[in-house]
Amino acid sequence: MDVTLHLSIAGRVQGVGYRESLRAEALRLGVSGWVRNRRDGSVEAVLQGPHEAVDAALAWARRGPPAARVAQLDARPATGEFDRPYAGFERLPSA
């Protein structure tokens, strides 16, 4: 059974390749969803897939790429508009 998580990631996560690195890691793990920058300097993402794959992507997201410094990561079950099927992993425009 697939799980879907909605993530908010804060710290030094913009301008360091975080979004593209998360996208590459998610695709490598077979995780669907999306990632985007937020105007407040954070990154937002949705991860969907088998529990083990999503857990592995979440563990990576807590570290990020080498230049990132993740200060806080909040992960919660996706609800509302975020709780739907995803195909592939997209990089969405900033919100």
Protein backbone atom coordinates (compact mmCIF):
# COMPACT_ATOMS: atom_id res chain seq x y z
CA MET A 1 0.00 0.00 0.00
CA ASP A 2 1.32 3.43 -0.94
CA VAL A 3 1.73 6.28 1.52
CA THR A 4 1.63 9.99 0.73
CA LEU A 5 3.47 12.55 2.86
CA HIS A 6 3.41 16.35 2.67
CA LEU A 7 6.78 17.88 3.65
CA SER A 8 7.90 21.35 4.72
CA ILE A 9 11.68 21.75 4.79
CA ALA A 10 13.40 24.80 6.31
CA GLY A 11 17.00 25.91 6.58
CA ARG A 12 19.52 26.53 3.84
CA VAL A 13 17.51 24.69 1.20
CA GLN A 14 17.18 27.20 -1.65
CA GLY A 15 19.99 27.96 -4.07
CA VAL A 16 21.87 24.78 -3.15
CA GLY A 17 20.35 22.25 -5.60
CA TYR A 18 17.92 20.84 -3.06
CA ARG A 19 14.89 20.54 -5.36
CA GLU A 20 16.70 18.87 -8.25
CA SER A 21 18.58 16.55 -5.89
CA LEU A 22 15.34 15.54 -4.14
CA ARG A 23 13.74 14.91 -7.53
CA ALA A 24 16.66 12.70 -8.62
CA GLU A 25 16.61 10.75 -5.35
CA ALA A 26 12.83 10.26 -5.52
CA LEU A 27 13.05 8.97 -9.09
CA ARG A 28 15.89 6.64 -8.11
CA LEU A 29 13.75 5.24 -5.29
CA GLY A 30 10.56 4.97 -7.36
CA VAL A 31 8.78 7.71 -5.37
CA SER A 32 6.21 9.97 -7.07
CA GLY A 33 5.13 13.50 -6.16
CA TRP A 34 6.56 16.99 -6.53
CA VAL A 35 8.86 19.61 -5.00
CA ARG A 36 8.82 23.44 -5.07
CA ASN A 37 10.35 26.48 -3.42
CA ARG A 38 8.23 28.62 -1.12
CA ARG A 39 8.52 32.40 -1.00
CA ASP A 40 9.45 32.20 2.70
CA GLY A 41 12.73 30.43 1.81
CA SER A 42 11.52 26.92 2.61
CA VAL A 43 10.92 23.98 0.29
CA GLU A 44 7.63 22.06 0.08
CA ALA A 45 7.26 18.54 -1.29
CA VAL A 46 4.87 15.61 -1.60
CA LEU A 47 6.28 12.07 -1.55
CA GLN A 48 4.16 9.08 -2.57
CA GLY A 49 5.02 5.44 -2.95
CA PRO A 50 5.69 2.23 -1.06
CA HIS A 51 6.36 2.82 2.65
CA GLU A 52 10.02 1.75 2.49
CA ALA A 53 10.77 3.94 -0.54
CA VAL A 54 9.07 6.99 0.99
CA ASP A 55 10.96 6.41 4.25
CA ALA A 56 14.25 6.31 2.32
CA ALA A 57 13.37 9.54 0.46
CA LEU A 58 12.38 11.16 3.75
CA ALA A 59 15.70 10.16 5.33
CA TRP A 60 17.51 11.74 2.37
CA ALA A 61 15.36 14.90 2.64
CA ARG A 62 16.45 15.34 6.26
CA ARG A 63 20.06 15.70 5.01
CA GLY A 64 19.68 17.11 1.51
CA PRO A 65 22.55 17.65 -0.92
CA PRO A 66 26.03 18.54 0.41
CA ALA A 67 25.55 22.35 0.29
CA ALA A 68 22.17 22.25 2.09
CA ARG A 69 21.67 22.67 5.82
CA VAL A 70 18.27 21.31 6.82
CA ALA A 71 17.24 22.99 10.08
CA GLN A 72 13.71 21.58 10.28
CA LEU A 73 11.64 19.05 8.37
CA ASP A 74 7.95 18.55 9.08
CA ALA A 75 6.34 15.49 7.49
CA ARG A 76 2.67 14.72 7.83
CA PRO A 77 0.16 12.54 5.98
CA ALA A 78 -1.10 14.34 2.90
CA THR A 79 -4.67 15.60 3.11
CA GLY A 80 -7.06 17.51 0.91
CA GLU A 81 -5.70 18.54 -2.49
CA PHE A 82 -2.35 16.83 -1.78
CA ASP A 83 -3.91 13.39 -1.19
CA ARG A 84 -4.28 12.12 -4.74
CA PRO A 85 -2.41 9.77 -7.08
CA TYR A 86 0.84 11.08 -8.61
CA ALA A 87 2.74 9.85 -11.64
CA GLY A 88 6.44 10.68 -11.83
CA PHE A 89 8.12 13.40 -9.81
CA GLU A 90 7.75 17.05 -10.85
CA ARG A 91 9.52 20.26 -9.96
CA LEU A 92 6.72 22.81 -9.63
CA PRO A 93 6.94 26.62 -9.85
CA SER A 94 7.52 28.51 -6.61
CA ALA A 95 4.50 29.27 -4.46
